[in-house]
Amino acid sequence: MELRRACLPHSSAGLPTRQRDPVRALPALTGRMKLAVMAGAALLAVLTSGEARAEFTVCNQTLDVVNLAVGQRVDNADQTDGWWTIGANQCVNVIREELTNRYIYIYATDVFGHAILTGSTEMCIERRRFSIRGIDECWQRGHIAAQFLEVDTLEQVRWTFFLTGSNP
C-alpha cells in the first residue's frame, strides 16, 4: 500500500496548501479501512471525554447470575454495600469514582445465597439491600458475617475484576 500526500489547489500565495482531513489525506485506503479509522477516532473521542467512567467494575464471566457485595474504606471507616445482581457474561460498575483505596473487598453469592468466592476478610452483610458502616461484631449488631475476598488494585484509579469459575 502506498501513501500519497494530498494537496488542495494552490493558495493565493501560489504555494500548495496541505489537506487537513486525515481520512481524505490517505486516498489509498479502502472504504472499510477509512470507516475503521473513523470509528476508532470516534471511540477515542468518547473514551477521552470528561464524562464519568466506572472506576471499579466487576465482570461476571460465569454462566450463572451472581449477587455481589463490596467493601471499602470510606471516610476513615470500613463500609460494605450490596447488592448488585450481575447476569452471566455481564459487567456492573460498582464504584463510580476514582479509587482511593488500594484494597477493595468483594463477596459474591449464587442465586441460592451460597458464597462463590473464597475470602478471608470478615465483613458485614444483610439479606436485602444494605450499606453498613463498620465490620466488627456483625452478629452482635444484627448483621450477617461474611468472608470477603481482598482485591489488590495496585493503587490504580480504575480496576476491573473478572469473576470466573476458577476464582480463589
C-alpha atoms as a PDB file:
ATOM      1  CA  MET A   1       0.000   0.000   0.000  1.00  0.00           C
ATOM      2  CA  GLU A   2       1.366   3.372  -0.959  1.00  0.00           C
ATOM      3  CA  LEU A   3       0.515   6.564   0.923  1.00  0.00           C
ATOM      4  CA  ARG A   4       0.489   9.739  -1.130  1.00  0.00           C
ATOM      5  CA  ARG A   5       0.456  13.334   0.073  1.00  0.00           C
ATOM      6  CA  ALA A   6      -2.763  15.045  -0.938  1.00  0.00           C
ATOM      7  CA  CYS A   7      -2.788  18.785  -1.596  1.00  0.00           C
ATOM      8  CA  LEU A   8      -5.536  21.276  -2.143  1.00  0.00           C
ATOM      9  CA  PRO A   9      -5.338  23.711  -5.022  1.00  0.00           C
ATOM     10  CA  HIS A  10      -2.670  26.383  -4.682  1.00  0.00           C
ATOM     11  CA  SER A  11      -3.295  29.082  -2.132  1.00  0.00           C
ATOM     12  CA  SER A  12      -3.444  32.719  -3.113  1.00  0.00           C
ATOM     13  CA  ALA A  13       0.308  32.973  -2.399  1.00  0.00           C
ATOM     14  CA  GLY A  14       0.936  30.360  -5.044  1.00  0.00           C
ATOM     15  CA  LEU A  15       2.089  27.697  -2.532  1.00  0.00           C
ATOM     16  CA  PRO A  16       0.309  24.362  -2.120  1.00  0.00           C
ATOM     17  CA  THR A  17      -1.964  24.010   0.912  1.00  0.00           C
ATOM     18  CA  ARG A  18      -1.945  20.666   2.769  1.00  0.00           C
ATOM     19  CA  GLN A  19      -5.099  18.650   3.128  1.00  0.00           C
ATOM     20  CA  ARG A  20      -6.471  18.900   6.701  1.00  0.00           C
ATOM     21  CA  ASP A  21      -8.841  15.904   6.700  1.00  0.00           C
ATOM     22  CA  PRO A  22      -6.734  12.890   7.837  1.00  0.00           C
ATOM     23  CA  VAL A  23      -9.114  10.358   6.264  1.00  0.00           C
ATOM     24  CA  ARG A  24      -9.109  12.086   2.880  1.00  0.00           C
ATOM     25  CA  ALA A  25      -5.325  12.502   3.176  1.00  0.00           C
ATOM     26  CA  LEU A  26      -4.991   8.727   2.790  1.00  0.00           C
ATOM     27  CA  PRO A  27      -6.579   8.125  -0.610  1.00  0.00           C
ATOM     28  CA  ALA A  28      -5.097   4.639  -0.968  1.00  0.00           C
ATOM     29  CA  LEU A  29      -7.218   3.293   1.936  1.00  0.00           C
ATOM     30  CA  THR A  30     -10.257   1.231   1.045  1.00  0.00           C
ATOM     31  CA  GLY A  31     -13.730   2.257   2.148  1.00  0.00           C
ATOM     32  CA  ARG A  32     -13.706  -0.255   5.012  1.00  0.00           C
ATOM     33  CA  MET A  33     -10.307   0.914   6.216  1.00  0.00           C
ATOM     34  CA  LYS A  34     -11.495   4.546   6.180  1.00  0.00           C
ATOM     35  CA  LEU A  35     -14.573   3.502   8.154  1.00  0.00           C
ATOM     36  CA  ALA A  36     -12.362   1.692  10.704  1.00  0.00           C
ATOM     37  CA  VAL A  37     -10.156   4.772  11.089  1.00  0.00           C
ATOM     38  CA  MET A  38     -13.204   6.996  11.629  1.00  0.00           C
ATOM     39  CA  ALA A  39     -14.771   4.525  14.115  1.00  0.00           C
ATOM     40  CA  GLY A  40     -11.508   4.328  16.061  1.00  0.00           C
ATOM     41  CA  ALA A  41     -11.289   8.110  16.211  1.00  0.00           C
ATOM     42  CA  ALA A  42     -14.886   8.329  17.442  1.00  0.00           C
ATOM     43  CA  LEU A  43     -14.245   5.710  20.136  1.00  0.00           C
ATOM     44  CA  LEU A  44     -11.116   7.553  21.276  1.00  0.00           C
ATOM     45  CA  ALA A  45     -13.090  10.790  21.497  1.00  0.00           C
ATOM     46  CA  VAL A  46     -15.723   9.141  23.699  1.00  0.00           C
ATOM     47  CA  LEU A  47     -13.153   7.486  25.956  1.00  0.00           C
ATOM     48  CA  THR A  48     -11.188  10.677  26.477  1.00  0.00           C
ATOM     49  CA  SER A  49     -14.189  12.929  27.103  1.00  0.00           C
ATOM     50  CA  GLY A  50     -14.754  14.347  30.565  1.00  0.00           C
ATOM     51  CA  GLU A  51     -17.752  12.130  31.272  1.00  0.00           C
ATOM     52  CA  ALA A  52     -17.834   9.927  34.372  1.00  0.00           C
ATOM     53  CA  ARG A  53     -16.357   6.476  33.896  1.00  0.00           C
ATOM     54  CA  ALA A  54     -16.616   3.376  36.003  1.00  0.00           C
ATOM     55  CA  GLU A  55     -13.662   3.070  38.331  1.00  0.00           C
ATOM     56  CA  PHE A  56     -14.272  -0.396  39.837  1.00  0.00           C
ATOM     57  CA  THR A  57     -16.108  -2.815  37.606  1.00  0.00           C
ATOM     58  CA  VAL A  58     -16.926  -6.471  38.178  1.00  0.00           C
ATOM     59  CA  CYS A  59     -17.448  -8.674  35.130  1.00  0.00           C
ATOM     60  CA  ASN A  60     -19.240 -11.975  35.622  1.00  0.00           C
ATOM     61  CA  GLN A  61     -17.673 -14.446  33.203  1.00  0.00           C
ATOM     62  CA  THR A  62     -19.551 -17.406  34.650  1.00  0.00           C
ATOM     63  CA  LEU A  63     -22.709 -18.979  33.266  1.00  0.00           C
ATOM     64  CA  ASP A  64     -24.699 -18.065  36.391  1.00  0.00           C
ATOM     65  CA  VAL A  65     -26.279 -14.923  37.799  1.00  0.00           C
ATOM     66  CA  VAL A  66     -24.384 -13.670  40.863  1.00  0.00           C
ATOM     67  CA  ASN A  67     -25.163 -11.224  43.643  1.00  0.00           C
ATOM     68  CA  LEU A  68     -22.283  -9.004  44.727  1.00  0.00           C
ATOM     69  CA  ALA A  69     -21.432  -7.011  47.843  1.00  0.00           C
ATOM     70  CA  VAL A  70     -18.460  -4.627  48.039  1.00  0.00           C
ATOM     71  CA  GLY A  71     -16.386  -3.464  50.986  1.00  0.00           C
ATOM     72  CA  GLN A  72     -14.027  -0.499  51.100  1.00  0.00           C
ATOM     73  CA  ARG A  73     -12.672   2.257  53.296  1.00  0.00           C
ATOM     74  CA  VAL A  74     -14.976   5.325  53.253  1.00  0.00           C
ATOM     75  CA  ASP A  75     -14.212   8.431  55.350  1.00  0.00           C
ATOM     76  CA  ASN A  76     -11.734   6.504  57.536  1.00  0.00           C
ATOM     77  CA  ALA A  77     -14.228   3.728  58.317  1.00  0.00           C
ATOM     78  CA  ASP A  78     -14.821   0.329  56.737  1.00  0.00           C
ATOM     79  CA  GLN A  79     -18.097   0.098  54.855  1.00  0.00           C
ATOM     80  CA  THR A  80     -19.918  -2.642  52.992  1.00  0.00           C
ATOM     81  CA  ASP A  81     -22.610  -2.137  50.379  1.00  0.00           C
ATOM     82  CA  GLY A  82     -24.806  -4.559  48.484  1.00  0.00           C
ATOM     83  CA  TRP A  83     -26.359  -5.941  46.401  1.00  0.00           C
ATOM     84  CA  TRP A  84     -25.560  -5.772  42.716  1.00  0.00           C
ATOM     85  CA  THR A  85     -27.027  -8.505  40.539  1.00  0.00           C
ATOM     86  CA  ILE A  86     -24.768  -9.402  37.625  1.00  0.00           C
ATOM     87  CA  GLY A  87     -26.023 -11.601  34.817  1.00  0.00           C
ATOM     88  CA  ALA A  88     -23.892 -14.177  33.042  1.00  0.00           C
ATOM     89  CA  ASN A  89     -21.270 -12.538  30.823  1.00  0.00           C
ATOM     90  CA  GLN A  90     -22.164  -9.037  32.009  1.00  0.00           C
ATOM     91  CA  CYS A  91     -20.296  -6.272  33.832  1.00  0.00           C
ATOM     92  CA  VAL A  92     -21.507  -3.867  36.518  1.00  0.00           C
ATOM     93  CA  ASN A  93     -19.905  -0.620  37.685  1.00  0.00           C
ATOM     94  CA  VAL A  94     -19.897  -0.852  41.479  1.00  0.00           C
ATOM     95  CA  ILE A  95     -17.687   2.114  42.389  1.00  0.00           C
ATOM     96  CA  ARG A  96     -18.161   5.099  40.101  1.00  0.00           C
ATOM     97  CA  GLU A  97     -15.469   7.459  41.359  1.00  0.00           C
ATOM     98  CA  GLU A  98     -11.708   7.094  41.061  1.00  0.00           C
ATOM     99  CA  LEU A  99     -10.377   4.561  43.524  1.00  0.00           C
ATOM    100  CA  THR A 100      -8.583   5.937  46.561  1.00  0.00           C
ATOM    101  CA  ASN A 101      -8.156   2.581  48.319  1.00  0.00           C
ATOM    102  CA  ARG A 102      -5.597   0.028  47.249  1.00  0.00           C
ATOM    103  CA  TYR A 103      -7.773  -2.814  48.523  1.00  0.00           C
ATOM    104  CA  ILE A 104     -11.406  -3.422  47.601  1.00  0.00           C
ATOM    105  CA  TYR A 105     -13.294  -6.350  49.117  1.00  0.00           C
ATOM    106  CA  ILE A 106     -15.933  -8.373  47.309  1.00  0.00           C
ATOM    107  CA  TYR A 107     -18.365 -11.069  48.328  1.00  0.00           C
ATOM    108  CA  ALA A 108     -20.400 -12.942  45.735  1.00  0.00           C
ATOM    109  CA  THR A 109     -23.196 -15.483  46.033  1.00  0.00           C
ATOM    110  CA  ASP A 110     -25.140 -17.601  43.594  1.00  0.00           C
ATOM    111  CA  VAL A 111     -28.918 -17.203  43.290  1.00  0.00           C
ATOM    112  CA  PHE A 112     -29.376 -19.600  46.216  1.00  0.00           C
ATOM    113  CA  GLY A 113     -27.282 -17.419  48.554  1.00  0.00           C
ATOM    114  CA  HIS A 114     -24.232 -19.710  48.601  1.00  0.00           C
ATOM    115  CA  ALA A 115     -20.849 -17.948  48.613  1.00  0.00           C
ATOM    116  CA  ILE A 116     -18.935 -18.471  45.375  1.00  0.00           C
ATOM    117  CA  LEU A 117     -15.663 -16.735  46.337  1.00  0.00           C
ATOM    118  CA  THR A 118     -13.149 -17.804  48.955  1.00  0.00           C
ATOM    119  CA  GLY A 119     -12.145 -14.816  51.042  1.00  0.00           C
ATOM    120  CA  SER A 120     -10.524 -14.298  54.420  1.00  0.00           C
ATOM    121  CA  THR A 121     -11.650 -10.818  55.486  1.00  0.00           C
ATOM    122  CA  GLU A 122     -14.757 -10.870  57.664  1.00  0.00           C
ATOM    123  CA  MET A 123     -17.210  -8.058  56.920  1.00  0.00           C
ATOM    124  CA  CYS A 124     -20.932  -7.498  57.473  1.00  0.00           C
ATOM    125  CA  ILE A 125     -23.791  -8.061  55.032  1.00  0.00           C
ATOM    126  CA  GLU A 126     -27.589  -8.185  55.079  1.00  0.00           C
ATOM    127  CA  ARG A 127     -30.055 -10.345  53.172  1.00  0.00           C
ATOM    128  CA  ARG A 128     -31.577  -7.310  51.456  1.00  0.00           C
ATOM    129  CA  ARG A 129     -30.000  -4.144  50.033  1.00  0.00           C
ATOM    130  CA  PHE A 130     -27.650  -2.553  52.587  1.00  0.00           C
ATOM    131  CA  SER A 131     -24.945  -0.063  53.456  1.00  0.00           C
ATOM    132  CA  ILE A 132     -23.191  -0.921  56.712  1.00  0.00           C
ATOM    133  CA  ARG A 133     -20.545   1.168  58.478  1.00  0.00           C
ATOM    134  CA  GLY A 134     -18.005  -0.886  60.426  1.00  0.00           C
ATOM    135  CA  ILE A 135     -17.009  -4.521  60.119  1.00  0.00           C
ATOM    136  CA  ASP A 136     -16.663  -5.537  63.762  1.00  0.00           C
ATOM    137  CA  GLU A 137     -19.191  -7.582  65.737  1.00  0.00           C
ATOM    138  CA  CYS A 138     -21.514  -8.220  62.804  1.00  0.00           C
ATOM    139  CA  TRP A 139     -23.710 -10.700  64.673  1.00  0.00           C
ATOM    140  CA  GLN A 140     -23.952  -8.537  67.789  1.00  0.00           C
ATOM    141  CA  ARG A 141     -25.117  -5.593  65.665  1.00  0.00           C
ATOM    142  CA  GLY A 142     -27.789  -7.681  63.911  1.00  0.00           C
ATOM    143  CA  HIS A 143     -25.903  -8.289  60.647  1.00  0.00           C
ATOM    144  CA  ILE A 144     -24.504 -11.391  58.968  1.00  0.00           C
ATOM    145  CA  ALA A 145     -20.738 -12.034  58.945  1.00  0.00           C
ATOM    146  CA  ALA A 146     -19.324 -12.985  55.546  1.00  0.00           C
ATOM    147  CA  GLN A 147     -15.830 -13.743  54.252  1.00  0.00           C
ATOM    148  CA  PHE A 148     -14.900 -11.155  51.601  1.00  0.00           C
ATOM    149  CA  LEU A 149     -12.165 -11.627  49.014  1.00  0.00           C
ATOM    150  CA  GLU A 150      -9.470  -8.934  49.070  1.00  0.00           C
ATOM    151  CA  VAL A 151      -8.753  -7.426  45.624  1.00  0.00           C
ATOM    152  CA  ASP A 152      -5.418  -5.613  45.328  1.00  0.00           C
ATOM    153  CA  THR A 153      -5.908  -2.806  42.794  1.00  0.00           C
ATOM    154  CA  LEU A 154      -2.186  -1.991  42.867  1.00  0.00           C
ATOM    155  CA  GLU A 155      -3.112   1.622  43.720  1.00  0.00           C
ATOM    156  CA  GLN A 156      -4.689   2.156  40.303  1.00  0.00           C
ATOM    157  CA  VAL A 157      -7.577   4.627  39.981  1.00  0.00           C
ATOM    158  CA  ARG A 158      -9.550   2.198  37.758  1.00  0.00           C
ATOM    159  CA  TRP A 159      -9.842  -1.567  38.094  1.00  0.00           C
ATOM    160  CA  THR A 160     -11.884  -4.376  36.581  1.00  0.00           C
ATOM    161  CA  PHE A 161     -12.308  -7.675  38.395  1.00  0.00           C
ATOM    162  CA  PHE A 162     -13.254 -10.710  36.301  1.00  0.00           C
ATOM    163  CA  LEU A 163     -15.347 -13.230  38.187  1.00  0.00           C
ATOM    164  CA  THR A 164     -14.677 -16.646  36.648  1.00  0.00           C
ATOM    165  CA  GLY A 165     -15.479 -20.184  37.644  1.00  0.00           C
ATOM    166  CA  SER A 166     -11.912 -20.558  38.938  1.00  0.00           C
ATOM    167  CA  ASN A 167     -11.635 -17.532  41.273  1.00  0.00           C
ATOM    168  CA  PRO A 168      -9.875 -18.273  44.539  1.00  0.00           C
END
